[in-house]
Amino acid sequence: MIEIVSDMTMVWVTVIMTVLVVAAFTKANVLMIEWELRTSWNRQYIHMDDQADVNSSLIQPSSKQYRPKIPSFIDHKNQDDEDPILVVF
């Protein structure tokens, strides 16, 4: 009887220790991934700032940027077209 109690105690201690170790490694892994993402974003941000300085010197102050008109549904509809007929069966 004592052996069964001690064996069950050791099983539960082992299970609890395994859960705690897995939780610790999971948290460490998540923090490492988060750190890698932050450093890569910072590198991209710094790289884009360097490019912005170079490109801004190439753009003339008097230049304008034109954007095309976004077509709407009203532009495509012809006034002579009849509305579709509703057919009910």
PDB file of N, CA and C in Angstrom:
ATOM      1  N   MET A   1       0.824  -1.194   0.000  1.00  0.00           N
ATOM      2  CA  MET A   1       0.000   0.000   0.000  1.00  0.00           C
ATOM      3  C   MET A   1       0.864   1.252   0.000  1.00  0.00           C
ATOM      4  N   ILE A   2       1.930   1.221   0.787  1.00  0.00           N
ATOM      5  CA  ILE A   2       2.829   2.376   0.851  1.00  0.00           C
ATOM      6  C   ILE A   2       3.517   2.579  -0.494  1.00  0.00           C
ATOM      7  N   GLU A   3       3.835   1.465  -1.149  1.00  0.00           N
ATOM      8  CA  GLU A   3       4.490   1.576  -2.454  1.00  0.00           C
ATOM      9  C   GLU A   3       3.563   2.223  -3.482  1.00  0.00           C
ATOM     10  N   ILE A   4       2.296   1.894  -3.440  1.00  0.00           N
ATOM     11  CA  ILE A   4       1.335   2.469  -4.392  1.00  0.00           C
ATOM     12  C   ILE A   4       1.200   3.970  -4.163  1.00  0.00           C
ATOM     13  N   VAL A   5       1.109   4.372  -2.909  1.00  0.00           N
ATOM     14  CA  VAL A   5       0.995   5.797  -2.582  1.00  0.00           C
ATOM     15  C   VAL A   5       2.256   6.540  -3.009  1.00  0.00           C
ATOM     16  N   SER A   6       3.409   5.974  -2.739  1.00  0.00           N
ATOM     17  CA  SER A   6       4.659   6.645  -3.119  1.00  0.00           C
ATOM     18  C   SER A   6       4.817   6.682  -4.639  1.00  0.00           C
ATOM     19  N   ASP A   7       4.410   5.615  -5.333  1.00  0.00           N
ATOM     20  CA  ASP A   7       4.483   5.610  -6.796  1.00  0.00           C
ATOM     21  C   ASP A   7       3.544   6.656  -7.401  1.00  0.00           C
ATOM     22  N   MET A   8       2.333   6.747  -6.878  1.00  0.00           N
ATOM     23  CA  MET A   8       1.380   7.741  -7.385  1.00  0.00           C
ATOM     24  C   MET A   8       1.870   9.155  -7.106  1.00  0.00           C
ATOM     25  N   THR A   9       2.478   9.355  -5.939  1.00  0.00           N
ATOM     26  CA  THR A   9       3.038  10.666  -5.615  1.00  0.00           C
ATOM     27  C   THR A   9       4.145  11.030  -6.594  1.00  0.00           C
ATOM     28  N   MET A  10       5.010  10.092  -6.894  1.00  0.00           N
ATOM     29  CA  MET A  10       6.103  10.358  -7.832  1.00  0.00           C
ATOM     30  C   MET A  10       5.573  10.614  -9.247  1.00  0.00           C
ATOM     31  N   VAL A  11       4.508   9.914  -9.625  1.00  0.00           N
ATOM     32  CA  VAL A  11       3.908  10.146 -10.948  1.00  0.00           C
ATOM     33  C   VAL A  11       3.363  11.566 -11.028  1.00  0.00           C
ATOM     34  N   TRP A  12       2.644  11.998  -9.991  1.00  0.00           N
ATOM     35  CA  TRP A  12       2.084  13.347 -10.012  1.00  0.00           C
ATOM     36  C   TRP A  12       3.175  14.413  -9.942  1.00  0.00           C
ATOM     37  N   VAL A  13       4.209  14.168  -9.180  1.00  0.00           N
ATOM     38  CA  VAL A  13       5.327  15.116  -9.129  1.00  0.00           C
ATOM     39  C   VAL A  13       5.979  15.226 -10.504  1.00  0.00           C
ATOM     40  N   THR A  14       6.145  14.099 -11.175  1.00  0.00           N
ATOM     41  CA  THR A  14       6.736  14.099 -12.513  1.00  0.00           C
ATOM     42  C   THR A  14       5.844  14.840 -13.506  1.00  0.00           C
ATOM     43  N   VAL A  15       4.542  14.612 -13.428  1.00  0.00           N
ATOM     44  CA  VAL A  15       3.604  15.293 -14.332  1.00  0.00           C
ATOM     45  C   VAL A  15       3.636  16.798 -14.095  1.00  0.00           C
ATOM     46  N   ILE A  16       3.612  17.212 -12.841  1.00  0.00           N
ATOM     47  CA  ILE A  16       3.633  18.642 -12.517  1.00  0.00           C
ATOM     48  C   ILE A  16       4.937  19.283 -12.978  1.00  0.00           C
ATOM     49  N   MET A  17       6.057  18.620 -12.748  1.00  0.00           N
ATOM     50  CA  MET A  17       7.350  19.163 -13.189  1.00  0.00           C
ATOM     51  C   MET A  17       7.405  19.275 -14.716  1.00  0.00           C
ATOM     52  N   THR A  18       6.860  18.277 -15.413  1.00  0.00           N
ATOM     53  CA  THR A  18       6.847  18.316 -16.877  1.00  0.00           C
ATOM     54  C   THR A  18       6.002  19.480 -17.379  1.00  0.00           C
ATOM     55  N   VAL A  19       4.845  19.681 -16.785  1.00  0.00           N
ATOM     56  CA  VAL A  19       3.975  20.793 -17.186  1.00  0.00           C
ATOM     57  C   VAL A  19       4.669  22.128 -16.944  1.00  0.00           C
ATOM     58  N   LEU A  20       5.323  22.277 -15.806  1.00  0.00           N
ATOM     59  CA  LEU A  20       6.016  23.531 -15.510  1.00  0.00           C
ATOM     60  C   LEU A  20       7.175  23.785 -16.474  1.00  0.00           C
ATOM     61  N   VAL A  21       7.926  22.746 -16.806  1.00  0.00           N
ATOM     62  CA  VAL A  21       9.046  22.905 -17.743  1.00  0.00           C
ATOM     63  C   VAL A  21       8.534  23.267 -19.133  1.00  0.00           C
ATOM     64  N   VAL A  22       7.472  22.603 -19.587  1.00  0.00           N
ATOM     65  CA  VAL A  22       6.903  22.918 -20.908  1.00  0.00           C
ATOM     66  C   VAL A  22       6.373  24.350 -20.929  1.00  0.00           C
ATOM     67  N   ALA A  23       5.721  24.784 -19.857  1.00  0.00           N
ATOM     68  CA  ALA A  23       5.214  26.155 -19.794  1.00  0.00           C
ATOM     69  C   ALA A  23       6.354  27.163 -19.829  1.00  0.00           C
ATOM     70  N   ALA A  24       7.435  26.886 -19.128  1.00  0.00           N
ATOM     71  CA  ALA A  24       8.579  27.801 -19.116  1.00  0.00           C
ATOM     72  C   ALA A  24       9.224  27.893 -20.497  1.00  0.00           C
ATOM     73  N   PHE A  25       9.413  26.758 -21.158  1.00  0.00           N
ATOM     74  CA  PHE A  25      10.007  26.787 -22.494  1.00  0.00           C
ATOM     75  C   PHE A  25       9.086  27.461 -23.510  1.00  0.00           C
ATOM     76  N   THR A  26       7.786  27.279 -23.355  1.00  0.00           N
ATOM     77  CA  THR A  26       6.838  27.926 -24.262  1.00  0.00           C
ATOM     78  C   THR A  26       6.902  29.439 -24.110  1.00  0.00           C
ATOM     79  N   LYS A  27       6.925  29.915 -22.873  1.00  0.00           N
ATOM     80  CA  LYS A  27       6.999  31.358 -22.645  1.00  0.00           C
ATOM     81  C   LYS A  27       8.310  31.915 -23.181  1.00  0.00           C
ATOM     82  N   ALA A  28       9.409  31.209 -22.970  1.00  0.00           N
ATOM     83  CA  ALA A  28      10.702  31.663 -23.482  1.00  0.00           C
ATOM     84  C   ALA A  28      10.706  31.699 -25.005  1.00  0.00           C
ATOM     85  N   ASN A  29      10.079  30.711 -25.626  1.00  0.00           N
ATOM     86  CA  ASN A  29      10.020  30.666 -27.082  1.00  0.00           C
ATOM     87  C   ASN A  29       9.179  31.817 -27.633  1.00  0.00           C
ATOM     88  N   VAL A  30       8.049  32.103 -27.001  1.00  0.00           N
ATOM     89  CA  VAL A  30       7.200  33.212 -27.438  1.00  0.00           C
ATOM     90  C   VAL A  30       7.934  34.537 -27.287  1.00  0.00           C
ATOM     91  N   LEU A  31       8.629  34.728 -26.185  1.00  0.00           N
ATOM     92  CA  LEU A  31       9.376  35.966 -25.984  1.00  0.00           C
ATOM     93  C   LEU A  31      10.500  36.110 -27.003  1.00  0.00           C
ATOM     94  N   MET A  32      11.147  35.015 -27.364  1.00  0.00           N
ATOM     95  CA  MET A  32      12.214  35.075 -28.360  1.00  0.00           C
ATOM     96  C   MET A  32      11.653  35.450 -29.733  1.00  0.00           C
ATOM     97  N   ILE A  33      10.509  34.869 -30.102  1.00  0.00           N
ATOM     98  CA  ILE A  33       9.889  35.206 -31.389  1.00  0.00           C
ATOM     99  C   ILE A  33       9.475  36.673 -31.400  1.00  0.00           C
ATOM    100  N   GLU A  34       8.902  37.153 -30.288  1.00  0.00           N
ATOM    101  CA  GLU A  34       8.505  38.558 -30.205  1.00  0.00           C
ATOM    102  C   GLU A  34       9.718  39.473 -30.334  1.00  0.00           C
ATOM    103  N   TRP A  35      10.825  39.125 -29.709  1.00  0.00           N
ATOM    104  CA  TRP A  35      12.042  39.931 -29.796  1.00  0.00           C
ATOM    105  C   TRP A  35      12.575  39.954 -31.226  1.00  0.00           C
ATOM    106  N   GLU A  36      12.552  38.800 -31.910  1.00  0.00           N
ATOM    107  CA  GLU A  36      13.020  38.748 -33.299  1.00  0.00           C
ATOM    108  C   GLU A  36      12.148  39.608 -34.202  1.00  0.00           C
ATOM    109  N   LEU A  37      10.828  39.585 -33.982  1.00  0.00           N
ATOM    110  CA  LEU A  37       9.945  40.424 -34.791  1.00  0.00           C
ATOM    111  C   LEU A  37      10.210  41.902 -34.549  1.00  0.00           C
ATOM    112  N   ARG A  38      10.392  42.291 -33.297  1.00  0.00           N
ATOM    113  CA  ARG A  38      10.667  43.704 -32.999  1.00  0.00           C
ATOM    114  C   ARG A  38      11.964  44.174 -33.638  1.00  0.00           C
ATOM    115  N   THR A  39      13.009  43.367 -33.538  1.00  0.00           N
ATOM    116  CA  THR A  39      14.287  43.783 -34.115  1.00  0.00           C
ATOM    117  C   THR A  39      14.208  43.838 -35.634  1.00  0.00           C
ATOM    118  N   SER A  40      13.480  42.914 -36.260  1.00  0.00           N
ATOM    119  CA  SER A  40      13.363  42.968 -37.725  1.00  0.00           C
ATOM    120  C   SER A  40      12.537  44.177 -38.140  1.00  0.00           C
ATOM    121  N   TRP A  41      11.479  44.519 -37.387  1.00  0.00           N
ATOM    122  CA  TRP A  41      10.696  45.707 -37.713  1.00  0.00           C
ATOM    123  C   TRP A  41      11.539  46.963 -37.544  1.00  0.00           C
ATOM    124  N   ASN A  42      12.349  47.025 -36.487  1.00  0.00           N
ATOM    125  CA  ASN A  42      13.203  48.192 -36.288  1.00  0.00           C
ATOM    126  C   ASN A  42      14.215  48.321 -37.415  1.00  0.00           C
ATOM    127  N   ARG A  43      14.776  47.201 -37.866  1.00  0.00           N
ATOM    128  CA  ARG A  43      15.722  47.250 -38.981  1.00  0.00           C
ATOM    129  C   ARG A  43      15.039  47.751 -40.247  1.00  0.00           C
ATOM    130  N   GLN A  44      13.818  47.294 -40.508  1.00  0.00           N
ATOM    131  CA  GLN A  44      13.100  47.753 -41.698  1.00  0.00           C
ATOM    132  C   GLN A  44      12.780  49.233 -41.583  1.00  0.00           C
ATOM    133  N   TYR A  45      12.395  49.698 -40.393  1.00  0.00           N
ATOM    134  CA  TYR A  45      12.066  51.104 -40.197  1.00  0.00           C
ATOM    135  C   TYR A  45      13.300  51.967 -40.424  1.00  0.00           C
ATOM    136  N   ILE A  46      14.440  51.560 -39.897  1.00  0.00           N
ATOM    137  CA  ILE A  46      15.682  52.312 -40.094  1.00  0.00           C
ATOM    138  C   ILE A  46      16.066  52.298 -41.561  1.00  0.00           C
ATOM    139  N   HIS A  47      15.919  51.161 -42.225  1.00  0.00           N
ATOM    140  CA  HIS A  47      16.257  51.050 -43.640  1.00  0.00           C
ATOM    141  C   HIS A  47      15.353  51.958 -44.481  1.00  0.00           C
ATOM    142  N   MET A  48      14.066  52.042 -44.138  1.00  0.00           N
ATOM    143  CA  MET A  48      13.154  52.903 -44.884  1.00  0.00           C
ATOM    144  C   MET A  48      13.471  54.369 -44.639  1.00  0.00           C
ATOM    145  N   ASP A  49      13.876  54.750 -43.436  1.00  0.00           N
ATOM    146  CA  ASP A  49      14.243  56.132 -43.167  1.00  0.00           C
ATOM    147  C   ASP A  49      15.457  56.540 -43.988  1.00  0.00           C
ATOM    148  N   ASP A  50      16.423  55.651 -44.126  1.00  0.00           N
ATOM    149  CA  ASP A  50      17.592  55.954 -44.947  1.00  0.00           C
ATOM    150  C   ASP A  50      17.193  56.164 -46.398  1.00  0.00           C
ATOM    151  N   GLN A  51      16.291  55.366 -46.912  1.00  0.00           N
ATOM    152  CA  GLN A  51      15.849  55.506 -48.292  1.00  0.00           C
ATOM    153  C   GLN A  51      15.039  56.779 -48.476  1.00  0.00           C
ATOM    154  N   ALA A  52      14.259  57.172 -47.488  1.00  0.00           N
ATOM    155  CA  ALA A  52      13.444  58.375 -47.609  1.00  0.00           C
ATOM    156  C   ALA A  52      14.329  59.603 -47.782  1.00  0.00           C
ATOM    157  N   ASP A  53      15.457  59.668 -47.098  1.00  0.00           N
ATOM    158  CA  ASP A  53      16.359  60.798 -47.250  1.00  0.00           C
ATOM    159  C   ASP A  53      16.948  60.855 -48.654  1.00  0.00           C
ATOM    160  N   VAL A  54      17.288  59.719 -49.210  1.00  0.00           N
ATOM    161  CA  VAL A  54      17.873  59.685 -50.550  1.00  0.00           C
ATOM    162  C   VAL A  54      16.831  60.041 -51.591  1.00  0.00           C
ATOM    163  N   ASN A  55      15.637  59.478 -51.490  1.00  0.00           N
ATOM    164  CA  ASN A  55      14.599  59.719 -52.484  1.00  0.00           C
ATOM    165  C   ASN A  55      14.044  61.131 -52.404  1.00  0.00           C
ATOM    166  N   SER A  56      14.004  61.737 -51.241  1.00  0.00           N
ATOM    167  CA  SER A  56      13.451  63.079 -51.120  1.00  0.00           C
ATOM    168  C   SER A  56      14.317  64.105 -51.830  1.00  0.00           C
ATOM    169  N   SER A  57      15.616  63.845 -51.963  1.00  0.00           N
ATOM    170  CA  SER A  57      16.467  64.789 -52.675  1.00  0.00           C
ATOM    171  C   SER A  57      16.255  64.703 -54.178  1.00  0.00           C
ATOM    172  N   LEU A  58      15.718  63.591 -54.684  1.00  0.00           N
ATOM    173  CA  LEU A  58      15.483  63.435 -56.112  1.00  0.00           C
ATOM    174  C   LEU A  58      14.166  64.057 -56.561  1.00  0.00           C
ATOM    175  N   ILE A  59      13.232  64.257 -55.654  1.00  0.00           N
ATOM    176  CA  ILE A  59      11.928  64.810 -56.008  1.00  0.00           C
ATOM    177  C   ILE A  59      12.023  66.329 -56.016  1.00  0.00           C
ATOM    178  N   GLN A  60      11.572  66.919 -57.105  1.00  0.00           N
ATOM    179  CA  GLN A  60      11.592  68.375 -57.212  1.00  0.00           C
ATOM    180  C   GLN A  60      10.439  68.962 -56.396  1.00  0.00           C
ATOM    181  N   PRO A  61      10.620  70.134 -55.792  1.00  0.00           N
ATOM    182  CA  PRO A  61       9.561  70.709 -54.964  1.00  0.00           C
ATOM    183  C   PRO A  61       8.314  71.083 -55.765  1.00  0.00           C
ATOM    184  N   SER A  62       8.452  71.372 -57.077  1.00  0.00           N
ATOM    185  CA  SER A  62       7.305  71.805 -57.863  1.00  0.00           C
ATOM    186  C   SER A  62       6.539  70.642 -58.491  1.00  0.00           C
ATOM    187  N   SER A  63       6.990  69.429 -58.292  1.00  0.00           N
ATOM    188  CA  SER A  63       6.318  68.290 -58.920  1.00  0.00           C
ATOM    189  C   SER A  63       5.037  67.953 -58.168  1.00  0.00           C
ATOM    190  N   LYS A  64       4.042  67.479 -58.920  1.00  0.00           N
ATOM    191  CA  LYS A  64       2.766  67.094 -58.333  1.00  0.00           C
ATOM    192  C   LYS A  64       2.514  65.637 -58.635  1.00  0.00           C
ATOM    193  N   GLN A  65       1.829  64.998 -57.744  1.00  0.00           N
ATOM    194  CA  GLN A  65       1.445  63.615 -57.977  1.00  0.00           C
ATOM    195  C   GLN A  65      -0.036  63.589 -58.332  1.00  0.00           C
ATOM    196  N   TYR A  66      -0.345  62.961 -59.459  1.00  0.00           N
ATOM    197  CA  TYR A  66      -1.722  62.845 -59.902  1.00  0.00           C
ATOM    198  C   TYR A  66      -2.203  61.426 -59.665  1.00  0.00           C
ATOM    199  N   ARG A  67      -3.386  61.336 -59.135  1.00  0.00           N
ATOM    200  CA  ARG A  67      -3.970  60.030 -58.893  1.00  0.00           C
ATOM    201  C   ARG A  67      -5.144  59.840 -59.845  1.00  0.00           C
ATOM    202  N   PRO A  68      -5.290  58.653 -60.411  1.00  0.00           N
ATOM    203  CA  PRO A  68      -6.408  58.431 -61.330  1.00  0.00           C
ATOM    204  C   PRO A  68      -7.736  58.412 -60.584  1.00  0.00           C
ATOM    205  N   LYS A  69      -8.775  58.792 -61.319  1.00  0.00           N
ATOM    206  CA  LYS A  69     -10.105  58.794 -60.729  1.00  0.00           C
ATOM    207  C   LYS A  69     -10.570  57.356 -60.546  1.00  0.00           C
ATOM    208  N   ILE A  70     -11.136  57.078 -59.411  1.00  0.00           N
ATOM    209  CA  ILE A  70     -11.659  55.742 -59.147  1.00  0.00           C
ATOM    210  C   ILE A  70     -13.055  55.673 -59.766  1.00  0.00           C
ATOM    211  N   PRO A  71     -13.255  54.775 -60.729  1.00  0.00           N
ATOM    212  CA  PRO A  71     -14.572  54.715 -61.375  1.00  0.00           C
ATOM    213  C   PRO A  71     -15.640  54.220 -60.406  1.00  0.00           C
ATOM    214  N   SER A  72     -16.823  54.771 -60.562  1.00  0.00           N
ATOM    215  CA  SER A  72     -17.929  54.360 -59.704  1.00  0.00           C
ATOM    216  C   SER A  72     -18.970  53.619 -60.531  1.00  0.00           C
ATOM    217  N   PHE A  73     -19.935  53.058 -59.872  1.00  0.00           N
ATOM    218  CA  PHE A  73     -21.000  52.311 -60.539  1.00  0.00           C
ATOM    219  C   PHE A  73     -21.824  53.235 -61.430  1.00  0.00           C
ATOM    220  N   ILE A  74     -22.001  54.474 -61.014  1.00  0.00           N
ATOM    221  CA  ILE A  74     -22.802  55.433 -61.780  1.00  0.00           C
ATOM    222  C   ILE A  74     -22.134  55.732 -63.117  1.00  0.00           C
ATOM    223  N   ASP A  75     -20.808  55.779 -63.158  1.00  0.00           N
ATOM    224  CA  ASP A  75     -20.095  56.054 -64.400  1.00  0.00           C
ATOM    225  C   ASP A  75     -20.295  54.945 -65.424  1.00  0.00           C
ATOM    226  N   HIS A  76     -20.463  53.724 -65.001  1.00  0.00           N
ATOM    227  CA  HIS A  76     -20.573  52.596 -65.919  1.00  0.00           C
ATOM    228  C   HIS A  76     -21.992  52.380 -66.429  1.00  0.00           C
ATOM    229  N   LYS A  77     -22.972  52.899 -65.754  1.00  0.00           N
ATOM    230  CA  LYS A  77     -24.357  52.657 -66.140  1.00  0.00           C
ATOM    231  C   LYS A  77     -24.772  53.663 -67.203  1.00  0.00           C
ATOM    232  N   ASN A  78     -25.292  53.173 -68.290  1.00  0.00           N
ATOM    233  CA  ASN A  78     -25.775  54.022 -69.367  1.00  0.00           C
ATOM    234  C   ASN A  78     -27.206  54.432 -69.042  1.00  0.00           C
ATOM    235  N   GLN A  79     -27.565  55.679 -69.341  1.00  0.00           N
ATOM    236  CA  GLN A  79     -28.901  56.163 -69.029  1.00  0.00           C
ATOM    237  C   GLN A  79     -29.962  55.498 -69.904  1.00  0.00           C
ATOM    238  N   ASP A  80     -29.581  55.026 -71.092  1.00  0.00           N
ATOM    239  CA  ASP A  80     -30.540  54.396 -71.998  1.00  0.00           C
ATOM    240  C   ASP A  80     -30.857  52.959 -71.593  1.00  0.00           C
ATOM    241  N   ASP A  81     -30.063  52.378 -70.760  1.00  0.00           N
ATOM    242  CA  ASP A  81     -30.298  50.997 -70.353  1.00  0.00           C
ATOM    243  C   ASP A  81     -31.556  50.904 -69.498  1.00  0.00           C
ATOM    244  N   GLU A  82     -32.313  49.862 -69.764  1.00  0.00           N
ATOM    245  CA  GLU A  82     -33.506  49.644 -68.956  1.00  0.00           C
ATOM    246  C   GLU A  82     -33.132  48.849 -67.710  1.00  0.00           C
ATOM    247  N   ASP A  83     -33.919  49.042 -66.696  1.00  0.00           N
ATOM    248  CA  ASP A  83     -33.696  48.272 -65.482  1.00  0.00           C
ATOM    249  C   ASP A  83     -34.042  46.814 -65.750  1.00  0.00           C
ATOM    250  N   PRO A  84     -33.363  45.893 -65.099  1.00  0.00           N
ATOM    251  CA  PRO A  84     -33.667  44.473 -65.331  1.00  0.00           C
ATOM    252  C   PRO A  84     -35.080  44.131 -64.864  1.00  0.00           C
ATOM    253  N   ILE A  85     -35.722  43.269 -65.620  1.00  0.00           N
ATOM    254  CA  ILE A  85     -37.093  42.871 -65.305  1.00  0.00           C
ATOM    255  C   ILE A  85     -37.044  41.746 -64.278  1.00  0.00           C
ATOM    256  N   LEU A  86     -37.876  41.877 -63.274  1.00  0.00           N
ATOM    257  CA  LEU A  86     -37.942  40.863 -62.230  1.00  0.00           C
ATOM    258  C   LEU A  86     -38.920  39.773 -62.655  1.00  0.00           C
ATOM    259  N   VAL A  87     -38.436  38.557 -62.766  1.00  0.00           N
ATOM    260  CA  VAL A  87     -39.271  37.431 -63.168  1.00  0.00           C
ATOM    261  C   VAL A  87     -39.419  36.510 -61.970  1.00  0.00           C
ATOM    262  N   VAL A  88     -40.662  36.247 -61.595  1.00  0.00           N
ATOM    263  CA  VAL A  88     -40.938  35.379 -60.460  1.00  0.00           C
ATOM    264  C   VAL A  88     -41.601  34.115 -60.977  1.00  0.00           C
ATOM    265  N   PHE A  89     -41.108  32.969 -60.592  1.00  0.00           N
ATOM    266  CA  PHE A  89     -41.684  31.692 -61.017  1.00  0.00           C
ATOM    267  C   PHE A  89     -42.562  31.145 -59.944  1.00  0.00           C
TER     268      PHE A  89
END
